[in-house]
Amino acid sequence: MSDRLSSSSPASISGRVIQSELQPGVTYRLERQIGEGGMGTAFLSLRQAPEGLSPVVVKLVRPQFGPNSERAAKVVVQKEAVALGRLNERVPPCPFVVRLVDTGATLLHGPNQPLTPWLAVEYVHGGVEGTTVLERITYHIEQTGEAFAPARAAHLIRCLASGLTAIHGVGVVHRDLTPGNILCCGFGEAEIFKISDFGIARPSGLSATFGGVPVGTIGYAAPEQCMPDLGPSGIATDLFSFACLVYLVLTGDEYFPADTPIQAMLMMREKKRRSILEGRALSPELRKRPEAGRAIDAVLARATSLAPDQRHQDAQELANALIPWLTETREPPKPSRRLVNSLLNLASPGDVSNWTWSTRHPPGGDRVILSAAWDVDGHCFAFTSKGPEFWNGQHWAPANDVARDLPLGMAFARRFEAGGWLVGGESGTLAVYSTEGVREVVRAPDPRVAFSHASGRFDDLLAAVGQRPGETPTLWAMAARRWLKPLPLEGVAYVAGLHRLDDERWVICGRMQHGTGFCSVYTPTQWETTVLLAPRTRAFVSGASEPERGLAIVVGSDGVALRIEGNEAVSSVAEGAPALTAAAMDVLDREWVCSLGRLWVRDPARDLSWRPVWQDQNWQAPFVSMIADAGMVVAMTADGGILEGRAGWRSVHGHGRGSGEHPRVRRSLRA
């Protein structure tokens, strides 16, 4: 099928610059094509703005795919812009839906041709497992022989239920929820799933359609999308697709393995549904629990009822019906040892000398970062001198709703779960905050305590650092919601970091009263700390950990970095002995550290010394926080400057690993 967009090759469009109509001084440079569908083409693009550079995905909509094509192209963009724009109004926004960055129309094909509608959405860094659920379930089966474990499937269900609840809450029906339209980032406990591609969504108040042409993806599109006599599309339409997706991640198979719309409709009309117990890659945990399998079968069968009014009422009801049969806790999923080993056995992550470094936000502003908590999608919630703020990948936004909802005196934030933060401060108060608001508040038995650090979960095991006025810091712990006896840190001046090492231990670091740094392992259930041997340094000031692998790193003055693995600590010193201020570890076991205006990297399996990778003397504020993933690192300065390094944009919107595409998911009913 010919169209004006395809008349220009991707190579001829690459390099073109689109001017924003809504954001002064902002342009989008189309770098390279990363996707193509029935309605348009997606380009990995560079957003250039006065505040800095950032990668985004620009989607160009084809002006010809049916009658009244130019109007229909505008409708596609308008639908997605309306759908996503409504979700941007809350700060922080729902993390389980891709964020709208900009939208407009541009002249790409000559003065006598119609304008090409476009929109820019957030870039999602997929990592080594892939960028879509389709890629990740394929990778998981390849590496382990099994589909998602129950806890990981439950985590996916929670993410998507929250995302759908947010979407439906602003009056939008997605109508194309498929494994290829769910984007992923992070690994293990940090994994996030995001709903994307609203090209055929139907926002309330925007009733334009595509001339009655059925739209959706075979095997995932609900019956009413093909047979309007069954009723209009609504919330139940998305629940149908949601259930089909759940079946795939639990089994590795499609719920309705059809090649044509007619085949799919015949399968959907059958009263009997496939059982997850028939799944080729069902995890052994579920296969050993046939009663759970049959219960899940019943839930999925109801969610895919032919009549929409027989399905669940909303996404949360469907999630609540599924999750108790998968897991009994809200704990984030822990990857299997086999999956972890598959990542560590990958080839060397490569030379960083060809990485691209860009300023996301310039340093030198008037804000002061007091505490920052990164999510793996590159967004960050922070307490600043201006109050709670949220870094959304392009700019800082005041989080007024957070300031209004949180208990008084909150001073620090740590990542708690996908889209959730553990915050704490005065009056012995700890709280969990998410985009839905404050979910839980707990208080220590002693209201005079001010918490400065905390990590863990209330219903399992949590560690915290507290201090009463005029006294030394004390370690606090909670096990199954019961406070344990506090452990005073005699001789300690302050604790600068608390990092979870594994299920039962934390690494703490800071400075002793006699003027040297210390690093210890804290085991709350044994009410003890074990001092780790370390080179003499004035203080350890920061660190990071990978609990899935029992690893941690702490850094401090005199260029000293301490890698903790199990019960052992190995020290190294960065060249020039600078004061190191922040650190990060990625899933490929690469370590990153930084000082004033400089970054170093080390691959412990291959490098004994730290290699400098970036330097800029104009960055005069120290880096205070970092996050790293395979092929990506982001660092933040004390004044809110954001620096990003990337190995290359290899995994965006279904083009991450380039492996094993599912044979049927891509077959679409779209015009």
Foldseek 3Di string as FASTA:
>chain_A
DDFLVVVDPQVNQQQDKADAPPAPQKIKGFHGWDDDDLFWTKGFIWIDHPFWIFIWIKTWTTQDDAPVSVVLQVLLQVQVCLLQVVQVPAVVGQPQAWHWDGWDWADDRDDVDDTITMTITHWFFQFDQFFFQLSNQVSCCVQPVAFDALQQLLVVLVSVQVQQCSSVVQQKDQQADARLQWTWHDDFQQIHIHGHDSSQMDGPPSPDHRPLFQWYAQLQFAPCSVVVVLDDDDQLRNLLNVLQRSLCRQAVDGFQPDFDNVSSVVQLPDLDTDWSCPGSRHDPVVVVPVVLRVQSRVLSSQSRHNRSVSHDPHSVVSSVSNSVSRDDDNRTGQDDPSVLVVLLPDPPLDDQQPWDKIWLGAFDAPKFFQEWEDRRRGKIWTQIPVGIWIRPSRDIDDNVVQVVQDDPAWGYWYDAGVQKIWIFFAQQKIFIAGSVGTDDIDGDPGGQWTWDDKDDDQQAKIWTWIDGPPFAIWIWMHGRNRTDDIAGDPQQPDWQDWEDQARFKIKIKWAGPVFWIWIWIDGVVVSDIGTADFPTDRTWHEWYYDHSQRWIWIFAFQQWIWIDHDHHIDIAGAPPRHGWAYKEAESNGKIWIFWQQWIWIDRVVPDRYTDTRGGDNVRGFTWHYKYDYSQKIWTAGRRGIIMIIGPDSQHTSRRHNPDDRDPRRSHISRD
